[in-house]
Amino acid sequence: MTRSGKHGAASCGRTVLAAAAAFLVWGVLPAGAPSAATAAGEAAGPAVGLAPGPACRFTQLVANSAERLGPTELRITVINEGPRACVLRGHPTLAVAGHGSPDQNRPLVARSQGAARPVLLPVGGTAETRVSFTPVLGEADGYCDSGDEPTVAPSMVMGLAGGRLQLAPDDGGNFALCGTVVRASAFRASS
């Protein structure tokens, strides 16, 4: 045997040995054994490609308003009012608009915060996203420390599940932010 032949035989032997070990591990571990991620303390989610239900359709989701959590953060809660459970994924898109049609809006750059995981929403179930931004300072004709132009609008348009929801602040005021960049968390189940 030549030197390359010995290397090839050794490599083949290692491959057979690795395959046999994998077979034994799969045959010995109980079906309910935790994955490495679960054993490490991470939350186990659905397997990639295996959705726990159909994707949410825009027509089954509602959101009433944007709840202010302080001068720089909003919480937007989405409710599944559809006929069956669905799965909501990802981060929202955001824009500001007047009181008219959500199609007449000014898009914002929404920087995604946090890993997006599927959220199973039963009928009546809720999910939320948090939106944070740099506020406008001062009174009436406010200003931005950064030198950005203030953006002021009476409504926000949130894009999700193939459609758009138009929201007003829960306190009846306006959205006032510096520039056009906001941060939006991935949707999470509400508690």
Protein backbone atom coordinates (compact mmCIF):
# COMPACT_ATOMS: atom_id res chain seq x y z
CA MET A 1 0.00 0.00 0.00
CA THR A 2 1.25 3.48 -0.78
CA ARG A 3 1.33 6.23 1.72
CA SER A 4 -1.77 7.91 0.25
CA GLY A 5 -3.56 4.57 0.37
CA LYS A 6 -2.89 4.24 4.11
CA HIS A 7 -4.20 7.78 4.64
CA GLY A 8 -7.33 6.98 2.60
CA ALA A 9 -7.95 3.77 4.57
CA ALA A 10 -7.48 5.56 7.90
CA SER A 11 -9.83 8.34 6.81
CA CYS A 12 -12.43 5.80 5.70
CA GLY A 13 -12.10 3.96 9.01
CA ARG A 14 -12.65 7.19 10.97
CA THR A 15 -15.73 7.96 8.88
CA VAL A 16 -17.23 4.51 9.55
CA LEU A 17 -16.40 4.85 13.26
CA ALA A 18 -18.04 8.33 13.44
CA ALA A 19 -21.16 7.06 11.66
CA ALA A 20 -21.41 4.08 14.03
CA ALA A 21 -21.04 6.38 17.06
CA ALA A 22 -23.76 8.69 15.75
CA PHE A 23 -26.06 5.71 15.21
CA LEU A 24 -25.44 4.50 18.77
CA VAL A 25 -26.08 7.96 20.23
CA TRP A 26 -29.38 8.30 18.38
CA GLY A 27 -30.38 4.79 19.38
CA VAL A 28 -29.47 5.23 23.06
CA LEU A 29 -30.77 8.74 23.85
CA PRO A 30 -34.42 8.78 24.92
CA ALA A 31 -36.80 10.65 22.62
CA GLY A 32 -37.40 13.38 25.20
CA ALA A 33 -33.74 14.07 25.97
CA PRO A 34 -32.92 17.77 26.06
CA SER A 35 -30.90 19.29 23.27
CA ALA A 36 -27.49 20.81 23.92
CA ALA A 37 -29.09 24.29 23.84
CA THR A 38 -31.65 23.29 26.48
CA ALA A 39 -29.01 21.61 28.63
CA ALA A 40 -26.98 24.84 28.45
CA GLY A 41 -29.97 26.77 29.82
CA GLU A 42 -31.11 28.37 26.56
CA ALA A 43 -34.78 28.46 25.72
CA ALA A 44 -35.66 25.70 23.31
CA GLY A 45 -37.78 26.96 20.44
CA PRO A 46 -39.35 25.17 17.51
CA ALA A 47 -36.94 23.52 15.12
CA VAL A 48 -35.93 25.59 12.12
CA GLY A 49 -38.39 25.03 9.31
CA LEU A 50 -41.03 23.55 11.63
CA ALA A 51 -43.60 26.22 12.37
CA PRO A 52 -45.97 25.56 15.29
CA GLY A 53 -48.88 26.90 13.23
CA PRO A 54 -49.83 28.96 10.18
CA ALA A 55 -48.33 32.42 9.76
CA CYS A 56 -50.48 35.28 11.05
CA ARG A 57 -52.39 37.17 8.39
CA PHE A 58 -52.65 40.91 8.61
CA THR A 59 -56.46 40.71 8.60
CA GLN A 60 -56.53 38.85 11.92
CA LEU A 61 -54.25 41.26 13.85
CA VAL A 62 -55.18 44.51 15.61
CA ALA A 63 -53.29 47.04 17.71
CA ASN A 64 -55.11 49.82 19.53
CA SER A 65 -52.39 52.37 20.29
CA ALA A 66 -48.75 52.97 21.08
CA GLU A 67 -48.31 53.02 24.86
CA ARG A 68 -45.67 55.47 26.08
CA LEU A 69 -43.22 53.89 28.52
CA GLY A 70 -41.28 57.13 28.98
CA PRO A 71 -39.95 59.94 26.81
CA THR A 72 -37.92 57.59 24.56
CA GLU A 73 -39.85 54.30 24.38
CA LEU A 74 -43.20 52.92 23.21
CA ARG A 75 -44.81 49.51 23.61
CA ILE A 76 -47.08 48.34 20.80
CA THR A 77 -49.25 45.33 21.59
CA VAL A 78 -50.74 43.24 18.80
CA ILE A 79 -53.81 41.03 19.39
CA ASN A 80 -54.85 37.97 17.39
CA GLU A 81 -58.56 38.48 16.68
CA GLY A 82 -58.59 35.84 13.97
CA PRO A 83 -60.52 32.60 13.85
CA ARG A 84 -57.51 30.45 14.84
CA ALA A 85 -54.04 30.50 16.35
CA CYS A 86 -51.21 31.82 14.21
CA VAL A 87 -47.47 32.48 14.32
CA LEU A 88 -46.03 36.00 14.27
CA ARG A 89 -42.40 36.41 13.25
CA GLY A 90 -39.75 39.07 13.02
CA HIS A 91 -39.52 42.78 13.63
CA PRO A 92 -41.98 45.47 12.53
CA THR A 93 -41.32 48.12 9.93
CA LEU A 94 -42.23 51.64 11.02
CA ALA A 95 -43.19 54.97 9.50
CA VAL A 96 -44.80 58.21 10.68
CA ALA A 97 -47.93 59.64 9.08
CA GLY A 98 -50.72 62.17 9.41
CA HIS A 99 -54.27 61.21 10.28
CA GLY A 100 -55.04 60.04 6.74
CA SER A 101 -54.28 56.81 4.96
CA PRO A 102 -51.39 54.66 6.25
CA ASP A 103 -50.19 54.57 2.63
CA GLN A 104 -49.25 58.26 2.90
CA ASN A 105 -46.35 57.89 5.31
CA ARG A 106 -42.70 58.74 5.84
CA PRO A 107 -40.69 55.56 6.43
CA LEU A 108 -38.39 55.36 9.42
CA VAL A 109 -35.19 53.35 9.56
CA ALA A 110 -36.06 50.64 12.10
CA ARG A 111 -32.91 49.06 13.54
CA SER A 112 -33.76 45.53 14.70
CA GLN A 113 -33.08 44.73 18.34
CA GLY A 114 -32.93 41.13 19.58
CA ALA A 115 -33.23 37.79 17.82
CA ALA A 116 -36.53 37.14 16.10
CA ARG A 117 -38.26 33.93 17.15
CA PRO A 118 -41.70 32.64 16.15
CA VAL A 119 -44.45 33.72 18.59
CA LEU A 120 -47.49 31.43 18.71
CA LEU A 121 -50.59 33.60 19.20
CA PRO A 122 -53.76 31.77 20.24
CA VAL A 123 -57.06 33.53 19.49
CA GLY A 124 -57.05 36.52 21.85
CA GLY A 125 -53.32 36.12 22.46
CA THR A 126 -51.00 39.13 22.41
CA ALA A 127 -47.46 39.92 21.33
CA GLU A 128 -45.54 43.14 21.76
CA THR A 129 -42.69 45.09 20.28
CA ARG A 130 -40.86 47.98 21.89
CA VAL A 131 -39.81 50.99 19.87
CA SER A 132 -37.21 53.43 21.18
CA PHE A 133 -35.96 56.67 19.68
CA THR A 134 -34.09 59.91 20.36
CA PRO A 135 -36.62 62.47 21.61
CA VAL A 136 -36.99 66.08 20.53
CA LEU A 137 -35.78 68.51 23.23
CA GLY A 138 -37.17 71.87 24.23
CA GLU A 139 -40.61 73.40 23.93
CA ALA A 140 -42.87 74.12 20.93
CA ASP A 141 -40.25 74.36 18.14
CA GLY A 142 -38.04 71.67 19.77
CA TYR A 143 -34.55 70.78 18.62
CA CYS A 144 -32.23 67.80 18.42
CA ASP A 145 -28.87 67.73 20.24
CA SER A 146 -27.44 65.77 17.31
CA GLY A 147 -28.36 68.44 14.80
CA ASP A 148 -30.89 66.11 13.11
CA GLU A 149 -34.20 67.54 12.03
CA PRO A 150 -37.09 66.88 14.43
CA THR A 151 -39.80 64.59 13.09
CA VAL A 152 -43.27 65.19 14.50
CA ALA A 153 -46.39 63.29 13.44
CA PRO A 154 -49.78 62.39 14.96
CA SER A 155 -49.61 58.72 13.98
CA MET A 156 -47.22 55.84 13.42
CA VAL A 157 -47.65 53.11 10.83
CA MET A 158 -46.43 49.64 11.79
CA GLY A 159 -45.88 47.08 9.06
CA LEU A 160 -46.36 43.41 9.99
CA ALA A 161 -47.74 40.19 8.51
CA GLY A 162 -48.07 41.71 5.03
CA GLY A 163 -50.08 44.79 6.02
CA ARG A 164 -49.99 48.09 7.93
CA LEU A 165 -51.63 49.26 11.14
CA GLN A 166 -51.94 52.99 11.86
CA LEU A 167 -51.54 53.90 15.55
CA ALA A 168 -51.79 57.03 17.66
CA PRO A 169 -49.98 57.58 20.96
CA ASP A 170 -52.08 56.46 23.95
CA ASP A 171 -51.80 59.92 25.53
CA GLY A 172 -53.31 61.73 22.53
CA GLY A 173 -50.11 63.64 21.73
CA ASN A 174 -47.77 63.43 18.75
CA PHE A 175 -44.78 61.27 18.02
CA ALA A 176 -41.73 63.54 18.25
CA LEU A 177 -38.31 62.13 17.47
CA CYS A 178 -34.95 63.29 16.22
CA GLY A 179 -34.11 62.16 12.71
CA THR A 180 -35.61 59.08 11.11
CA VAL A 181 -33.91 56.24 13.01
CA VAL A 182 -35.72 54.14 15.63
CA ARG A 183 -34.93 50.84 17.33
CA ALA A 184 -37.55 48.07 17.30
CA SER A 185 -37.46 44.84 19.28
CA ALA A 186 -38.51 41.51 17.83
CA PHE A 187 -42.08 40.50 18.62
CA ARG A 188 -42.39 38.65 21.95
CA ALA A 189 -45.37 37.07 23.65
CA SER A 190 -47.00 39.51 26.10
CA SER A 191 -47.46 38.53 29.70
